[in-house]
Amino acid sequence: MNPIITKADHNTIKSLIANLPDHLKTAEIRQLTNELNRARVVANDKIPEDVIRLNSYFEIEEINSKQQINFTVTLPNKANIAEKRVSILSPLGIALIGFRKGMTVQWTLPGGPKKLKILKVEQAMEEAKIQTL
């Protein structure tokens, strides 16, 4: 199951990675690069509404513990855990970008390997407006 990503998000994330100092290019960043390389890149107006992309709000459930969490995936400069905004460069952001509601993603997070079911995906209002223009 390959992720789906918009051309705009693909370019933004690739540029972000390219501009990171070498000491910040961690194993997680290499994983994100691998995900981008295997992703199906689509036109901005051709991506399904239920796919997690930059600025998407999502709700997930960790399958084994049944714990549910929700965040919005953002660029690193807008990330703030207290405000439920997680960076695309975080393990959770990397794991979920490009996947859709209903899918289960297996990924190694800081707490170990996890199975995450995507329960809900909503797009940011400004993104929704752009899509309809």
Protein backbone atom coordinates (compact mmCIF):
# COMPACT_ATOMS: atom_id res chain seq x y z
CA MET A 1 0.00 0.00 0.00
CA ASN A 2 1.68 3.12 -1.27
CA PRO A 3 0.87 6.58 0.00
CA ILE A 4 -0.88 9.16 -2.19
CA ILE A 5 0.42 12.71 -2.02
CA THR A 6 -0.32 15.96 -3.81
CA LYS A 7 2.31 17.47 -6.05
CA ALA A 8 2.33 20.58 -3.83
CA ASP A 9 2.89 18.57 -0.62
CA HIS A 10 5.51 16.41 -2.35
CA ASN A 11 7.46 19.48 -3.45
CA THR A 12 7.10 21.21 -0.07
CA ILE A 13 8.29 18.19 1.92
CA LYS A 14 11.16 17.41 -0.51
CA SER A 15 12.33 21.04 -0.25
CA LEU A 16 12.05 20.92 3.55
CA ILE A 17 14.21 17.78 3.68
CA ALA A 18 16.74 19.15 1.19
CA ASN A 19 17.21 22.26 3.33
CA LEU A 20 17.72 20.41 6.61
CA PRO A 21 21.24 20.57 8.03
CA ASP A 22 23.02 17.20 7.73
CA HIS A 23 22.95 16.59 11.49
CA LEU A 24 19.12 16.66 11.38
CA LYS A 25 18.85 14.09 8.57
CA THR A 26 17.99 11.22 10.90
CA ALA A 27 16.72 7.71 10.22
CA GLU A 28 13.18 9.11 10.40
CA ILE A 29 13.98 11.66 7.68
CA ARG A 30 15.36 8.84 5.52
CA GLN A 31 12.08 6.96 6.10
CA LEU A 32 10.10 10.02 5.01
CA THR A 33 12.27 10.30 1.88
CA ASN A 34 11.56 6.63 1.14
CA GLU A 35 7.82 7.20 1.61
CA LEU A 36 7.94 10.18 -0.78
CA ASN A 37 9.87 8.15 -3.35
CA ARG A 38 7.30 5.34 -3.35
CA ALA A 39 4.25 7.62 -3.16
CA ARG A 40 1.82 8.11 -6.00
CA VAL A 41 2.01 11.86 -6.70
CA VAL A 42 -1.24 13.37 -7.98
CA ALA A 43 -2.45 16.80 -9.02
CA ASN A 44 -3.63 18.90 -6.09
CA ASP A 45 -7.26 18.67 -7.22
CA LYS A 46 -7.15 14.89 -7.81
CA ILE A 47 -6.44 13.66 -4.28
CA PRO A 48 -9.33 12.04 -2.39
CA GLU A 49 -10.67 14.10 0.54
CA ASP A 50 -9.98 11.32 3.05
CA VAL A 51 -6.19 11.19 2.48
CA ILE A 52 -3.93 12.64 5.17
CA ARG A 53 -1.82 15.47 3.76
CA LEU A 54 -0.23 18.63 5.11
CA ASN A 55 -2.71 20.50 7.34
CA SER A 56 -5.09 17.53 7.59
CA TYR A 57 -6.82 16.81 10.88
CA PHE A 58 -6.89 13.10 11.67
CA GLU A 59 -8.14 10.70 14.32
CA ILE A 60 -6.48 7.32 14.74
CA GLU A 61 -6.73 4.31 16.99
CA GLU A 62 -3.79 2.21 18.10
CA ILE A 63 -5.19 -1.27 17.43
CA ASN A 64 -3.71 -3.16 20.39
CA SER A 65 -4.40 -0.62 23.16
CA LYS A 66 -7.58 0.85 21.57
CA GLN A 67 -6.18 4.29 22.48
CA GLN A 68 -7.51 7.02 20.20
CA ILE A 69 -5.61 10.21 19.43
CA ASN A 70 -6.12 13.15 17.09
CA PHE A 71 -3.81 15.74 15.58
CA THR A 72 -3.30 18.01 12.61
CA VAL A 73 -0.16 17.27 10.58
CA THR A 74 1.84 20.45 9.91
CA LEU A 75 5.18 21.80 8.83
CA PRO A 76 7.72 21.77 11.68
CA ASN A 77 7.48 25.51 12.38
CA LYS A 78 3.74 25.15 13.11
CA ALA A 79 3.98 21.98 15.22
CA ASN A 80 2.77 22.28 18.82
CA ILE A 81 1.78 19.18 20.77
CA ALA A 82 -0.26 21.25 23.28
CA GLU A 83 -2.34 22.51 20.33
CA LYS A 84 -2.58 19.01 18.79
CA ARG A 85 -0.37 19.88 15.80
CA VAL A 86 2.28 17.30 14.92
CA SER A 87 5.17 17.87 12.50
CA ILE A 88 5.40 16.04 9.20
CA LEU A 89 8.97 15.25 10.31
CA SER A 90 7.76 13.43 13.45
CA PRO A 91 7.47 9.63 13.42
CA LEU A 92 3.65 9.90 13.54
CA GLY A 93 3.54 12.43 10.69
CA ILE A 94 5.86 10.26 8.58
CA ALA A 95 3.79 7.15 9.30
CA LEU A 96 0.45 8.64 8.25
CA ILE A 97 1.10 11.08 5.40
CA GLY A 98 -0.57 9.88 2.22
CA PHE A 99 -2.84 7.25 3.77
CA ARG A 100 -6.63 7.29 3.91
CA LYS A 101 -9.49 6.88 6.33
CA GLY A 102 -10.13 3.19 7.02
CA MET A 103 -6.55 2.09 6.37
CA THR A 104 -4.35 0.45 8.99
CA VAL A 105 -0.71 1.52 8.99
CA GLN A 106 2.05 -0.43 10.73
CA TRP A 107 4.93 1.76 11.84
CA THR A 108 7.64 1.89 14.48
CA LEU A 109 7.05 4.88 16.75
CA PRO A 110 9.16 5.89 19.78
CA GLY A 111 7.04 3.50 21.91
CA GLY A 112 7.78 0.58 19.58
CA PRO A 113 5.93 -1.00 16.64
CA LYS A 114 2.30 0.11 16.37
CA LYS A 115 -0.74 -0.68 14.23
CA LEU A 116 -2.67 2.52 13.63
CA LYS A 117 -6.17 2.59 12.15
CA ILE A 118 -7.16 5.89 10.54
CA LEU A 119 -10.68 6.69 11.77
CA LYS A 120 -11.26 10.20 10.44
CA VAL A 121 -9.59 12.71 8.11
CA GLU A 122 -10.65 16.32 7.58
CA GLN A 123 -8.97 18.94 5.44
CA ALA A 124 -8.19 22.46 6.63
CA MET A 125 -10.78 25.06 5.64
CA GLU A 126 -8.42 27.03 3.39
CA GLU A 127 -7.45 23.77 1.64
CA ALA A 128 -11.11 22.88 1.14
CA LYS A 129 -11.79 26.32 -0.36
CA ILE A 130 -8.84 26.01 -2.75
CA GLN A 131 -10.05 22.58 -3.86
CA THR A 132 -13.50 23.95 -4.82
CA LEU A 133 -12.25 26.98 -6.78
